[in-house]
Amino acid sequence: MDLEKKIAIATRNAEEVVTTEELRALLEEKDKPRAYVGYEPSGEIHLGHLITVNKLKDLQSIGFEVIVLLADIHAYLNEKGTFEEIRKLAERNMKTFIAFGLNEKNAQFVLGSSYQLNREYMLDVLKLARITTLNRARRSMDEVSRRKEDPMVSQMIYPLMQSLDIAYLKIDVAVGGIDQRKIHMLARENLPALGYKAPICIHTPIISGLDGEKMSKSKGNYISIGDSPEEVERKIMKAFCPPKVVEGNPIIDLAKHYVFPAFGKVKIERDQKFGGDIEYESFESLLEDFRNGSLHPLDLKRAVARYLNSFMDEARNRLVKLSE
């Protein structure tokens, strides 16, 4: 595969790459670079989590080795449960990511606690603390903290550890949602002061909830891997999807970030009196027809529900086998 094709795959559907020039140089210099995402173990994996898994799959396809950090200590610092509860969730999350297509042969799953309590690591946390202001640490947590108004001291340690994870896991490319940007920029700026290289960063967008608002567990405006096919269809059919509106449209987001990457093309099934079936071989062509009104929201919803259920059914079956 030529370099430009690799760059296109690595950067597709990304919100930001810091920087593309550094990524190009990395791909020219290194045969098997390393990329990672860190996840706080969660009890309910939904499609919002899987957008970064999709990017890891992209990177695997162009020769990257990927590392999935199951960040148990980070989850504890962010008040996500006891260590015992978090580690049980981590095992389940690992199986879920594999079921959704992460290639085990080119992936490592690492528990944060397997190295984050080592003497050298903790000394580096203290060194990083000496060159990071309290305001900077707090700002870096604005998008990911559970307690924004009255943060605990533990939440100031969190971004320092996340920065050092990149160094200790020997990561070339840090992948995360755009909400991780401030933490990644902290790592790029401060890791060189401790003798570590600055990571390249690929940030994925935060997709809208099904109601067009910010995705939230309390609102239930997301699709979970535990949803039945009937529930997926019900949620899609009720979702916010105004005609011709692209920005903030969750159905457009689902088509872009899940359906096209998984299937490569989309067939819209509709009655002949509404124009008959039409097949889109690129997201851009579907987007153009939706924007100009040639593609009706109801027809798009039906197609997205059908493809998502096909995608999720395969993953659910793999997850059952992995859990046996």
C-alpha atoms as a PDB file:
ATOM      1  CA  MET A   1       0.000   0.000   0.000  1.00  0.00           C
ATOM      2  CA  ASP A   2       1.429   3.387  -0.958  1.00  0.00           C
ATOM      3  CA  LEU A   3       2.041   6.157   1.539  1.00  0.00           C
ATOM      4  CA  GLU A   4      -0.806   8.428   0.407  1.00  0.00           C
ATOM      5  CA  LYS A   5      -3.322   5.594   0.734  1.00  0.00           C
ATOM      6  CA  LYS A   6      -2.075   4.890   4.256  1.00  0.00           C
ATOM      7  CA  ILE A   7      -2.415   8.567   5.187  1.00  0.00           C
ATOM      8  CA  ALA A   8      -5.956   8.649   3.795  1.00  0.00           C
ATOM      9  CA  ILE A   9      -6.986   5.612   5.859  1.00  0.00           C
ATOM     10  CA  ALA A  10      -5.268   6.843   9.025  1.00  0.00           C
ATOM     11  CA  THR A  11      -6.947  10.259   8.852  1.00  0.00           C
ATOM     12  CA  ARG A  12     -10.402   9.440   7.478  1.00  0.00           C
ATOM     13  CA  ASN A  13     -13.304  10.515   9.678  1.00  0.00           C
ATOM     14  CA  ALA A  14     -10.854  12.196  12.075  1.00  0.00           C
ATOM     15  CA  GLU A  15     -11.697  15.536  13.624  1.00  0.00           C
ATOM     16  CA  GLU A  16      -8.050  16.523  13.892  1.00  0.00           C
ATOM     17  CA  VAL A  17      -4.548  15.155  13.326  1.00  0.00           C
ATOM     18  CA  VAL A  18      -1.611  16.684  15.200  1.00  0.00           C
ATOM     19  CA  THR A  19       0.192  16.671  12.908  1.00  0.00           C
ATOM     20  CA  THR A  20      -0.257  15.109   9.468  1.00  0.00           C
ATOM     21  CA  GLU A  21       3.351  15.950   8.597  1.00  0.00           C
ATOM     22  CA  GLU A  22       4.614  14.019  11.630  1.00  0.00           C
ATOM     23  CA  LEU A  23       2.329  11.109  10.760  1.00  0.00           C
ATOM     24  CA  ARG A  24       3.690  11.031   7.229  1.00  0.00           C
ATOM     25  CA  ALA A  25       7.272  10.980   8.526  1.00  0.00           C
ATOM     26  CA  LEU A  26       6.424   8.180  10.970  1.00  0.00           C
ATOM     27  CA  LEU A  27       4.931   6.006   8.226  1.00  0.00           C
ATOM     28  CA  GLU A  28       7.998   6.596   6.063  1.00  0.00           C
ATOM     29  CA  GLU A  29      10.428   5.707   8.848  1.00  0.00           C
ATOM     30  CA  LYS A  30       8.764   2.884  10.781  1.00  0.00           C
ATOM     31  CA  ASP A  31       7.348  -0.413   9.506  1.00  0.00           C
ATOM     32  CA  LYS A  32       5.186  -1.188  12.542  1.00  0.00           C
ATOM     33  CA  PRO A  33       4.370   1.935  14.534  1.00  0.00           C
ATOM     34  CA  ARG A  34       2.376   1.760  17.761  1.00  0.00           C
ATOM     35  CA  ALA A  35      -0.969   3.450  18.427  1.00  0.00           C
ATOM     36  CA  TYR A  36      -3.162   3.335  21.478  1.00  0.00           C
ATOM     37  CA  VAL A  37      -6.462   4.307  23.035  1.00  0.00           C
ATOM     38  CA  GLY A  38      -7.099   4.315  26.751  1.00  0.00           C
ATOM     39  CA  TYR A  39     -10.560   3.357  28.021  1.00  0.00           C
ATOM     40  CA  GLU A  40     -11.931   3.626  31.499  1.00  0.00           C
ATOM     41  CA  PRO A  41     -13.699   0.267  31.923  1.00  0.00           C
ATOM     42  CA  SER A  42     -17.412   0.847  31.469  1.00  0.00           C
ATOM     43  CA  GLY A  43     -20.465  -1.209  32.260  1.00  0.00           C
ATOM     44  CA  GLU A  44     -22.271  -0.365  29.052  1.00  0.00           C
ATOM     45  CA  ILE A  45     -20.341  -0.008  25.805  1.00  0.00           C
ATOM     46  CA  HIS A  46     -22.230   2.052  23.234  1.00  0.00           C
ATOM     47  CA  LEU A  47     -21.523   3.263  19.721  1.00  0.00           C
ATOM     48  CA  GLY A  48     -19.925   6.419  21.074  1.00  0.00           C
ATOM     49  CA  HIS A  49     -17.120   4.287  22.536  1.00  0.00           C
ATOM     50  CA  LEU A  50     -16.647   2.331  19.333  1.00  0.00           C
ATOM     51  CA  ILE A  51     -15.749   5.319  17.174  1.00  0.00           C
ATOM     52  CA  THR A  52     -12.162   5.110  18.483  1.00  0.00           C
ATOM     53  CA  VAL A  53     -12.183   1.323  18.016  1.00  0.00           C
ATOM     54  CA  ASN A  54     -12.984   1.988  14.356  1.00  0.00           C
ATOM     55  CA  LYS A  55      -9.931   4.218  14.135  1.00  0.00           C
ATOM     56  CA  LEU A  56      -7.743   1.531  15.712  1.00  0.00           C
ATOM     57  CA  LYS A  57      -9.071  -0.903  13.099  1.00  0.00           C
ATOM     58  CA  ASP A  58      -8.111   1.599  10.389  1.00  0.00           C
ATOM     59  CA  LEU A  59      -4.600   1.813  11.815  1.00  0.00           C
ATOM     60  CA  GLN A  60      -4.286  -1.967  12.072  1.00  0.00           C
ATOM     61  CA  SER A  61      -5.180  -2.218   8.378  1.00  0.00           C
ATOM     62  CA  ILE A  62      -2.127  -0.098   7.442  1.00  0.00           C
ATOM     63  CA  GLY A  63       0.365  -1.957   9.599  1.00  0.00           C
ATOM     64  CA  PHE A  64       0.070  -0.438  13.087  1.00  0.00           C
ATOM     65  CA  GLU A  65       0.337  -2.449  16.262  1.00  0.00           C
ATOM     66  CA  VAL A  66      -2.403  -1.198  18.578  1.00  0.00           C
ATOM     67  CA  ILE A  67      -2.442  -1.111  22.348  1.00  0.00           C
ATOM     68  CA  VAL A  68      -5.707  -0.889  24.250  1.00  0.00           C
ATOM     69  CA  LEU A  69      -5.172   0.467  27.732  1.00  0.00           C
ATOM     70  CA  LEU A  70      -7.870  -0.746  30.110  1.00  0.00           C
ATOM     71  CA  ALA A  71      -7.370   2.120  32.499  1.00  0.00           C
ATOM     72  CA  ASP A  72      -8.474   0.658  35.806  1.00  0.00           C
ATOM     73  CA  ILE A  73      -6.575   3.122  37.992  1.00  0.00           C
ATOM     74  CA  HIS A  74      -7.805   6.062  35.906  1.00  0.00           C
ATOM     75  CA  ALA A  75     -11.377   4.781  36.342  1.00  0.00           C
ATOM     76  CA  TYR A  76     -10.839   4.567  40.085  1.00  0.00           C
ATOM     77  CA  LEU A  77      -9.466   8.116  40.212  1.00  0.00           C
ATOM     78  CA  ASN A  78     -12.512   9.285  38.212  1.00  0.00           C
ATOM     79  CA  GLU A  79     -14.890   7.620  40.713  1.00  0.00           C
ATOM     80  CA  LYS A  80     -16.124   4.801  38.472  1.00  0.00           C
ATOM     81  CA  GLY A  81     -16.263   2.097  41.151  1.00  0.00           C
ATOM     82  CA  THR A  82     -14.103  -0.160  43.315  1.00  0.00           C
ATOM     83  CA  PHE A  83     -11.026  -1.847  41.855  1.00  0.00           C
ATOM     84  CA  GLU A  84     -12.799  -5.208  41.893  1.00  0.00           C
ATOM     85  CA  GLU A  85     -15.812  -3.842  40.022  1.00  0.00           C
ATOM     86  CA  ILE A  86     -13.627  -2.007  37.514  1.00  0.00           C
ATOM     87  CA  ARG A  87     -11.466  -5.037  36.710  1.00  0.00           C
ATOM     88  CA  LYS A  88     -14.484  -7.227  36.012  1.00  0.00           C
ATOM     89  CA  LEU A  89     -15.709  -4.565  33.602  1.00  0.00           C
ATOM     90  CA  ALA A  90     -12.268  -4.388  31.975  1.00  0.00           C
ATOM     91  CA  GLU A  91     -12.406  -8.101  31.070  1.00  0.00           C
ATOM     92  CA  ARG A  92     -15.849  -7.662  29.544  1.00  0.00           C
ATOM     93  CA  ASN A  93     -14.754  -4.560  27.635  1.00  0.00           C
ATOM     94  CA  MET A  94     -11.754  -6.384  26.146  1.00  0.00           C
ATOM     95  CA  LYS A  95     -13.999  -9.126  24.762  1.00  0.00           C
ATOM     96  CA  THR A  96     -16.417  -6.516  23.415  1.00  0.00           C
ATOM     97  CA  PHE A  97     -13.712  -4.657  21.479  1.00  0.00           C
ATOM     98  CA  ILE A  98     -12.497  -7.926  19.956  1.00  0.00           C
ATOM     99  CA  ALA A  99     -16.073  -8.870  19.052  1.00  0.00           C
ATOM    100  CA  PHE A 100     -16.455  -5.564  17.221  1.00  0.00           C
ATOM    101  CA  GLY A 101     -13.558  -6.348  14.953  1.00  0.00           C
ATOM    102  CA  LEU A 102     -10.301  -5.404  16.656  1.00  0.00           C
ATOM    103  CA  ASN A 103      -7.734  -7.891  15.389  1.00  0.00           C
ATOM    104  CA  GLU A 104      -6.248  -9.772  18.358  1.00  0.00           C
ATOM    105  CA  LYS A 105      -3.078 -10.617  16.417  1.00  0.00           C
ATOM    106  CA  ASN A 106      -2.039  -6.973  16.184  1.00  0.00           C
ATOM    107  CA  ALA A 107      -3.495  -5.778  19.472  1.00  0.00           C
ATOM    108  CA  GLN A 108      -2.321  -5.808  23.073  1.00  0.00           C
ATOM    109  CA  PHE A 109      -4.677  -5.268  25.995  1.00  0.00           C
ATOM    110  CA  VAL A 110      -2.946  -3.763  29.011  1.00  0.00           C
ATOM    111  CA  LEU A 111      -4.300  -3.070  32.494  1.00  0.00           C
ATOM    112  CA  GLY A 112      -3.052   0.264  33.789  1.00  0.00           C
ATOM    113  CA  SER A 113      -2.356  -1.218  37.207  1.00  0.00           C
ATOM    114  CA  SER A 114       0.145  -3.643  35.633  1.00  0.00           C
ATOM    115  CA  TYR A 115       2.732  -0.848  35.437  1.00  0.00           C
ATOM    116  CA  GLN A 116       1.317   2.377  36.869  1.00  0.00           C
ATOM    117  CA  LEU A 117       2.245   1.507  40.460  1.00  0.00           C
ATOM    118  CA  ASN A 118       5.904   0.926  39.651  1.00  0.00           C
ATOM    119  CA  ARG A 119       8.466   3.165  41.350  1.00  0.00           C
ATOM    120  CA  GLU A 120       9.817   4.693  38.120  1.00  0.00           C
ATOM    121  CA  TYR A 121       6.356   5.508  36.834  1.00  0.00           C
ATOM    122  CA  MET A 122       5.288   7.183  40.077  1.00  0.00           C
ATOM    123  CA  LEU A 123       8.513   9.201  40.187  1.00  0.00           C
ATOM    124  CA  ASP A 124       7.748  10.438  36.676  1.00  0.00           C
ATOM    125  CA  VAL A 125       4.237  11.414  37.817  1.00  0.00           C
ATOM    126  CA  LEU A 126       5.854  13.584  40.487  1.00  0.00           C
ATOM    127  CA  LYS A 127       8.331  15.063  37.989  1.00  0.00           C
ATOM    128  CA  LEU A 128       5.488  15.921  35.624  1.00  0.00           C
ATOM    129  CA  ALA A 129       3.556  17.434  38.529  1.00  0.00           C
ATOM    130  CA  ARG A 130       6.465  19.835  39.140  1.00  0.00           C
ATOM    131  CA  ILE A 131       6.223  21.308  35.631  1.00  0.00           C
ATOM    132  CA  THR A 132       2.410  21.359  35.248  1.00  0.00           C
ATOM    133  CA  THR A 133       0.339  24.152  36.751  1.00  0.00           C
ATOM    134  CA  LEU A 134      -2.817  23.341  38.669  1.00  0.00           C
ATOM    135  CA  ASN A 135      -4.868  25.422  36.245  1.00  0.00           C
ATOM    136  CA  ARG A 136      -3.471  23.529  33.266  1.00  0.00           C
ATOM    137  CA  ALA A 137      -4.192  20.149  34.840  1.00  0.00           C
ATOM    138  CA  ARG A 138      -7.718  21.223  35.717  1.00  0.00           C
ATOM    139  CA  ARG A 139      -8.429  22.621  32.248  1.00  0.00           C
ATOM    140  CA  SER A 140      -7.201  19.419  30.634  1.00  0.00           C
ATOM    141  CA  MET A 141      -9.897  17.504  32.534  1.00  0.00           C
ATOM    142  CA  ASP A 142     -12.785  19.820  31.620  1.00  0.00           C
ATOM    143  CA  GLU A 143     -14.276  17.439  29.043  1.00  0.00           C
ATOM    144  CA  VAL A 144     -13.720  14.116  30.800  1.00  0.00           C
ATOM    145  CA  SER A 145     -14.150  14.746  34.518  1.00  0.00           C
ATOM    146  CA  ARG A 146     -17.160  13.523  36.449  1.00  0.00           C
ATOM    147  CA  ARG A 147     -16.825  16.323  38.990  1.00  0.00           C
ATOM    148  CA  LYS A 148     -16.233  19.654  37.261  1.00  0.00           C
ATOM    149  CA  GLU A 149     -17.391  22.127  39.894  1.00  0.00           C
ATOM    150  CA  ASP A 150     -15.576  20.703  42.903  1.00  0.00           C
ATOM    151  CA  PRO A 151     -12.864  18.357  41.547  1.00  0.00           C
ATOM    152  CA  MET A 152     -10.929  15.985  43.730  1.00  0.00           C
ATOM    153  CA  VAL A 153      -7.117  16.066  43.852  1.00  0.00           C
ATOM    154  CA  SER A 154      -7.194  12.635  42.150  1.00  0.00           C
ATOM    155  CA  GLN A 155      -8.550  14.268  39.025  1.00  0.00           C
ATOM    156  CA  MET A 156      -5.479  16.480  38.783  1.00  0.00           C
ATOM    157  CA  ILE A 157      -3.271  13.357  38.813  1.00  0.00           C
ATOM    158  CA  TYR A 158      -5.324  11.782  36.023  1.00  0.00           C
ATOM    159  CA  PRO A 159      -3.977  13.841  33.064  1.00  0.00           C
ATOM    160  CA  LEU A 160      -0.380  13.445  34.290  1.00  0.00           C
ATOM    161  CA  MET A 161      -0.795   9.680  34.287  1.00  0.00           C
ATOM    162  CA  GLN A 162      -2.470   9.684  30.899  1.00  0.00           C
ATOM    163  CA  SER A 163       0.463  11.614  29.488  1.00  0.00           C
ATOM    164  CA  LEU A 164       2.944   9.158  30.977  1.00  0.00           C
ATOM    165  CA  ASP A 165       0.974   6.163  29.688  1.00  0.00           C
ATOM    166  CA  ILE A 166       1.894   7.317  26.200  1.00  0.00           C
ATOM    167  CA  ALA A 167       5.578   7.271  27.123  1.00  0.00           C
ATOM    168  CA  TYR A 168       5.583   4.003  29.068  1.00  0.00           C
ATOM    169  CA  LEU A 169       3.632   2.114  26.408  1.00  0.00           C
ATOM    170  CA  LYS A 170       6.083   3.426  23.773  1.00  0.00           C
ATOM    171  CA  ILE A 171       3.289   4.960  21.745  1.00  0.00           C
ATOM    172  CA  ASP A 172       3.845   6.758  18.451  1.00  0.00           C
ATOM    173  CA  VAL A 173       0.214   7.791  17.887  1.00  0.00           C
ATOM    174  CA  ALA A 174      -2.282   8.602  20.638  1.00  0.00           C
ATOM    175  CA  VAL A 175      -5.888   8.144  19.525  1.00  0.00           C
ATOM    176  CA  GLY A 176      -8.866   9.595  21.357  1.00  0.00           C
ATOM    177  CA  GLY A 177     -12.035  11.581  21.053  1.00  0.00           C
ATOM    178  CA  ILE A 178     -11.665  15.320  20.589  1.00  0.00           C
ATOM    179  CA  ASP A 179     -12.550  15.622  24.289  1.00  0.00           C
ATOM    180  CA  GLN A 180      -9.073  14.194  24.988  1.00  0.00           C
ATOM    181  CA  ARG A 181      -7.340  16.986  23.104  1.00  0.00           C
ATOM    182  CA  LYS A 182      -6.248  19.070  26.093  1.00  0.00           C
ATOM    183  CA  ILE A 183      -4.695  16.066  27.800  1.00  0.00           C
ATOM    184  CA  HIS A 184      -2.881  15.049  24.609  1.00  0.00           C
ATOM    185  CA  MET A 185      -1.566  18.582  24.138  1.00  0.00           C
ATOM    186  CA  LEU A 186      -0.281  18.500  27.713  1.00  0.00           C
ATOM    187  CA  ALA A 187       1.577  15.300  26.819  1.00  0.00           C
ATOM    188  CA  ARG A 188       3.021  16.787  23.624  1.00  0.00           C
ATOM    189  CA  GLU A 189       4.308  19.842  25.474  1.00  0.00           C
ATOM    190  CA  ASN A 190       5.610  18.301  28.692  1.00  0.00           C
ATOM    191  CA  LEU A 191       6.822  14.772  27.925  1.00  0.00           C
ATOM    192  CA  PRO A 192       9.969  16.012  26.106  1.00  0.00           C
ATOM    193  CA  ALA A 193      11.024  17.762  29.329  1.00  0.00           C
ATOM    194  CA  LEU A 194      11.258  14.293  30.939  1.00  0.00           C
ATOM    195  CA  GLY A 195      13.181  12.852  27.998  1.00  0.00           C
ATOM    196  CA  TYR A 196      10.251  11.224  26.193  1.00  0.00           C
ATOM    197  CA  LYS A 197       9.096  11.937  22.651  1.00  0.00           C
ATOM    198  CA  ALA A 198       5.917  13.906  21.935  1.00  0.00           C
ATOM    199  CA  PRO A 199       3.123  11.750  20.500  1.00  0.00           C
ATOM    200  CA  ILE A 200       1.301  12.279  17.231  1.00  0.00           C
ATOM    201  CA  CYS A 201      -2.403  12.644  18.020  1.00  0.00           C
ATOM    202  CA  ILE A 202      -5.476  11.558  16.069  1.00  0.00           C
ATOM    203  CA  HIS A 203      -8.736  12.880  17.459  1.00  0.00           C
ATOM    204  CA  THR A 204     -12.110  11.471  16.486  1.00  0.00           C
ATOM    205  CA  PRO A 205     -15.314  13.535  16.633  1.00  0.00           C
ATOM    206  CA  ILE A 206     -17.887  13.264  19.391  1.00  0.00           C
ATOM    207  CA  ILE A 207     -21.049  12.107  17.653  1.00  0.00           C
ATOM    208  CA  SER A 208     -24.422  13.561  18.595  1.00  0.00           C
ATOM    209  CA  GLY A 209     -26.913  11.703  20.742  1.00  0.00           C
ATOM    210  CA  LEU A 210     -29.993  10.344  19.015  1.00  0.00           C
ATOM    211  CA  ASP A 211     -31.972  13.415  20.087  1.00  0.00           C
ATOM    212  CA  GLY A 212     -29.429  15.776  18.545  1.00  0.00           C
ATOM    213  CA  GLU A 213     -28.088  16.750  21.963  1.00  0.00           C
ATOM    214  CA  LYS A 214     -24.885  15.695  23.699  1.00  0.00           C
ATOM    215  CA  MET A 215     -24.780  11.931  24.194  1.00  0.00           C
ATOM    216  CA  SER A 216     -25.535  11.091  27.814  1.00  0.00           C
ATOM    217  CA  LYS A 217     -26.234   7.896  29.732  1.00  0.00           C
ATOM    218  CA  SER A 218     -28.817   9.714  31.857  1.00  0.00           C
ATOM    219  CA  LYS A 219     -30.733  10.737  28.728  1.00  0.00           C
ATOM    220  CA  GLY A 220     -30.545   7.301  27.137  1.00  0.00           C
ATOM    221  CA  ASN A 221     -29.904   8.957  23.767  1.00  0.00           C
ATOM    222  CA  TYR A 222     -27.431   6.351  22.504  1.00  0.00           C
ATOM    223  CA  ILE A 223     -27.358   2.840  21.056  1.00  0.00           C
ATOM    224  CA  SER A 224     -25.851   0.246  23.361  1.00  0.00           C
ATOM    225  CA  ILE A 225     -24.338  -3.048  22.255  1.00  0.00           C
ATOM    226  CA  GLY A 226     -26.878  -4.638  24.586  1.00  0.00           C
ATOM    227  CA  ASP A 227     -29.863  -3.232  22.671  1.00  0.00           C
ATOM    228  CA  SER A 228     -31.980  -5.785  20.847  1.00  0.00           C
ATOM    229  CA  PRO A 229     -32.504  -5.411  17.073  1.00  0.00           C
ATOM    230  CA  GLU A 230     -36.026  -4.184  17.804  1.00  0.00           C
ATOM    231  CA  GLU A 231     -34.716  -1.601  20.251  1.00  0.00           C
ATOM    232  CA  VAL A 232     -32.077  -0.404  17.768  1.00  0.00           C
ATOM    233  CA  GLU A 233     -34.738   0.057  15.104  1.00  0.00           C
ATOM    234  CA  ARG A 234     -37.071   1.829  17.534  1.00  0.00           C
ATOM    235  CA  LYS A 235     -34.354   4.250  18.625  1.00  0.00           C
ATOM    236  CA  ILE A 236     -33.293   5.001  15.050  1.00  0.00           C
ATOM    237  CA  MET A 237     -36.842   5.637  13.872  1.00  0.00           C
ATOM    238  CA  LYS A 238     -37.435   8.084  16.743  1.00  0.00           C
ATOM    239  CA  ALA A 239     -34.089   9.859  16.303  1.00  0.00           C
ATOM    240  CA  PHE A 240     -33.602  13.498  15.373  1.00  0.00           C
ATOM    241  CA  CYS A 241     -33.113  13.689  11.608  1.00  0.00           C
ATOM    242  CA  PRO A 242     -34.572  16.849  10.012  1.00  0.00           C
ATOM    243  CA  PRO A 243     -34.665  16.946   6.199  1.00  0.00           C
ATOM    244  CA  LYS A 244     -31.590  18.440   4.508  1.00  0.00           C
ATOM    245  CA  VAL A 245     -29.867  19.118   7.876  1.00  0.00           C
ATOM    246  CA  VAL A 246     -26.428  17.552   8.139  1.00  0.00           C
ATOM    247  CA  GLU A 247     -24.701  19.241  11.090  1.00  0.00           C
ATOM    248  CA  GLY A 248     -25.626  17.659  14.412  1.00  0.00           C
ATOM    249  CA  ASN A 249     -27.697  14.985  12.676  1.00  0.00           C
ATOM    250  CA  PRO A 250     -27.073  11.671  14.513  1.00  0.00           C
ATOM    251  CA  ILE A 251     -28.326   9.514  11.628  1.00  0.00           C
ATOM    252  CA  ILE A 252     -25.837  11.137   9.273  1.00  0.00           C
ATOM    253  CA  ASP A 253     -23.130  10.539  11.911  1.00  0.00           C
ATOM    254  CA  LEU A 254     -24.058   6.860  12.172  1.00  0.00           C
ATOM    255  CA  ALA A 255     -23.934   6.446   8.396  1.00  0.00           C
ATOM    256  CA  LYS A 256     -20.547   8.153   8.207  1.00  0.00           C
ATOM    257  CA  HIS A 257     -18.769   6.566  11.152  1.00  0.00           C
ATOM    258  CA  TYR A 258     -20.263   3.077  11.329  1.00  0.00           C
ATOM    259  CA  VAL A 259     -22.206   2.013   8.255  1.00  0.00           C
ATOM    260  CA  PHE A 260     -19.843   3.075   5.475  1.00  0.00           C
ATOM    261  CA  PRO A 261     -16.632   1.956   7.256  1.00  0.00           C
ATOM    262  CA  ALA A 262     -18.197  -1.472   7.895  1.00  0.00           C
ATOM    263  CA  PHE A 263     -19.930  -2.059   4.559  1.00  0.00           C
ATOM    264  CA  GLY A 264     -18.362   0.321   2.032  1.00  0.00           C
ATOM    265  CA  LYS A 265     -21.702   1.103   0.404  1.00  0.00           C
ATOM    266  CA  VAL A 266     -25.349   1.557   1.340  1.00  0.00           C
ATOM    267  CA  LYS A 267     -28.485   0.436  -0.467  1.00  0.00           C
ATOM    268  CA  ILE A 268     -31.594   2.491   0.215  1.00  0.00           C
ATOM    269  CA  GLU A 269     -34.719   0.403  -0.273  1.00  0.00           C
ATOM    270  CA  ARG A 270     -37.809   2.404  -1.189  1.00  0.00           C
ATOM    271  CA  ASP A 271     -41.044   2.087  -3.131  1.00  0.00           C
ATOM    272  CA  GLN A 272     -40.919   2.729  -6.866  1.00  0.00           C
ATOM    273  CA  LYS A 273     -43.238   5.709  -6.515  1.00  0.00           C
ATOM    274  CA  PHE A 274     -40.558   7.361  -4.350  1.00  0.00           C
ATOM    275  CA  GLY A 275     -37.818   6.711  -6.894  1.00  0.00           C
ATOM    276  CA  GLY A 276     -37.081   3.031  -6.251  1.00  0.00           C
ATOM    277  CA  ASP A 277     -33.965   1.521  -4.678  1.00  0.00           C
ATOM    278  CA  ILE A 278     -30.708   3.442  -4.869  1.00  0.00           C
ATOM    279  CA  GLU A 279     -27.203   2.374  -3.917  1.00  0.00           C
ATOM    280  CA  TYR A 280     -24.529   4.761  -2.657  1.00  0.00           C
ATOM    281  CA  GLU A 281     -20.911   3.724  -3.020  1.00  0.00           C
ATOM    282  CA  SER A 282     -19.572   6.664  -1.032  1.00  0.00           C
ATOM    283  CA  PHE A 283     -20.711   8.619   1.977  1.00  0.00           C
ATOM    284  CA  GLU A 284     -20.218  11.863   0.048  1.00  0.00           C
ATOM    285  CA  SER A 285     -22.787  10.892  -2.585  1.00  0.00           C
ATOM    286  CA  LEU A 286     -25.325   9.954   0.099  1.00  0.00           C
ATOM    287  CA  LEU A 287     -24.640  13.223   1.895  1.00  0.00           C
ATOM    288  CA  GLU A 288     -25.202  15.233  -1.274  1.00  0.00           C
ATOM    289  CA  ASP A 289     -28.591  13.608  -1.928  1.00  0.00           C
ATOM    290  CA  PHE A 290     -29.685  14.080   1.685  1.00  0.00           C
ATOM    291  CA  ARG A 291     -28.609  17.711   1.677  1.00  0.00           C
ATOM    292  CA  ASN A 292     -30.520  18.513  -1.519  1.00  0.00           C
ATOM    293  CA  GLY A 293     -33.631  16.629  -0.428  1.00  0.00           C
ATOM    294  CA  SER A 294     -33.367  13.708  -2.868  1.00  0.00           C
ATOM    295  CA  LEU A 295     -32.979  11.295   0.052  1.00  0.00           C
ATOM    296  CA  HIS A 296     -35.812  11.356   2.588  1.00  0.00           C
ATOM    297  CA  PRO A 297     -34.979  11.042   6.328  1.00  0.00           C
ATOM    298  CA  LEU A 298     -37.339   8.088   6.768  1.00  0.00           C
ATOM    299  CA  ASP A 299     -35.644   6.109   3.990  1.00  0.00           C
ATOM    300  CA  LEU A 300     -32.211   6.899   5.438  1.00  0.00           C
ATOM    301  CA  LYS A 301     -33.312   5.856   8.934  1.00  0.00           C
ATOM    302  CA  ARG A 302     -34.614   2.508   7.706  1.00  0.00           C
ATOM    303  CA  ALA A 303     -31.363   1.794   5.893  1.00  0.00           C
ATOM    304  CA  VAL A 304     -29.164   2.832   8.822  1.00  0.00           C
ATOM    305  CA  ALA A 305     -31.204   0.672  11.221  1.00  0.00           C
ATOM    306  CA  ARG A 306     -30.906  -2.334   8.888  1.00  0.00           C
ATOM    307  CA  TYR A 307     -27.143  -1.982   8.417  1.00  0.00           C
ATOM    308  CA  LEU A 308     -26.453  -1.247  12.079  1.00  0.00           C
ATOM    309  CA  ASN A 309     -28.369  -4.331  13.151  1.00  0.00           C
ATOM    310  CA  SER A 310     -26.430  -6.450  10.668  1.00  0.00           C
ATOM    311  CA  PHE A 311     -23.153  -5.038  11.989  1.00  0.00           C
ATOM    312  CA  MET A 312     -24.164  -5.455  15.630  1.00  0.00           C
ATOM    313  CA  ASP A 313     -25.641  -8.957  15.206  1.00  0.00           C
ATOM    314  CA  GLU A 314     -22.295 -10.275  13.982  1.00  0.00           C
ATOM    315  CA  ALA A 315     -20.513  -8.618  16.900  1.00  0.00           C
ATOM    316  CA  ARG A 316     -23.033  -9.919  19.443  1.00  0.00           C
ATOM    317  CA  ASN A 317     -22.587 -13.475  18.157  1.00  0.00           C
ATOM    318  CA  ARG A 318     -18.798 -13.170  18.413  1.00  0.00           C
ATOM    319  CA  LEU A 319     -19.124 -11.769  21.948  1.00  0.00           C
ATOM    320  CA  VAL A 320     -21.236 -14.748  23.033  1.00  0.00           C
ATOM    321  CA  LYS A 321     -18.570 -17.151  21.753  1.00  0.00           C
ATOM    322  CA  LEU A 322     -15.779 -15.204  23.454  1.00  0.00           C
ATOM    323  CA  SER A 323     -17.687 -15.275  26.749  1.00  0.00           C
ATOM    324  CA  GLU A 324     -18.377 -19.020  26.726  1.00  0.00           C
END
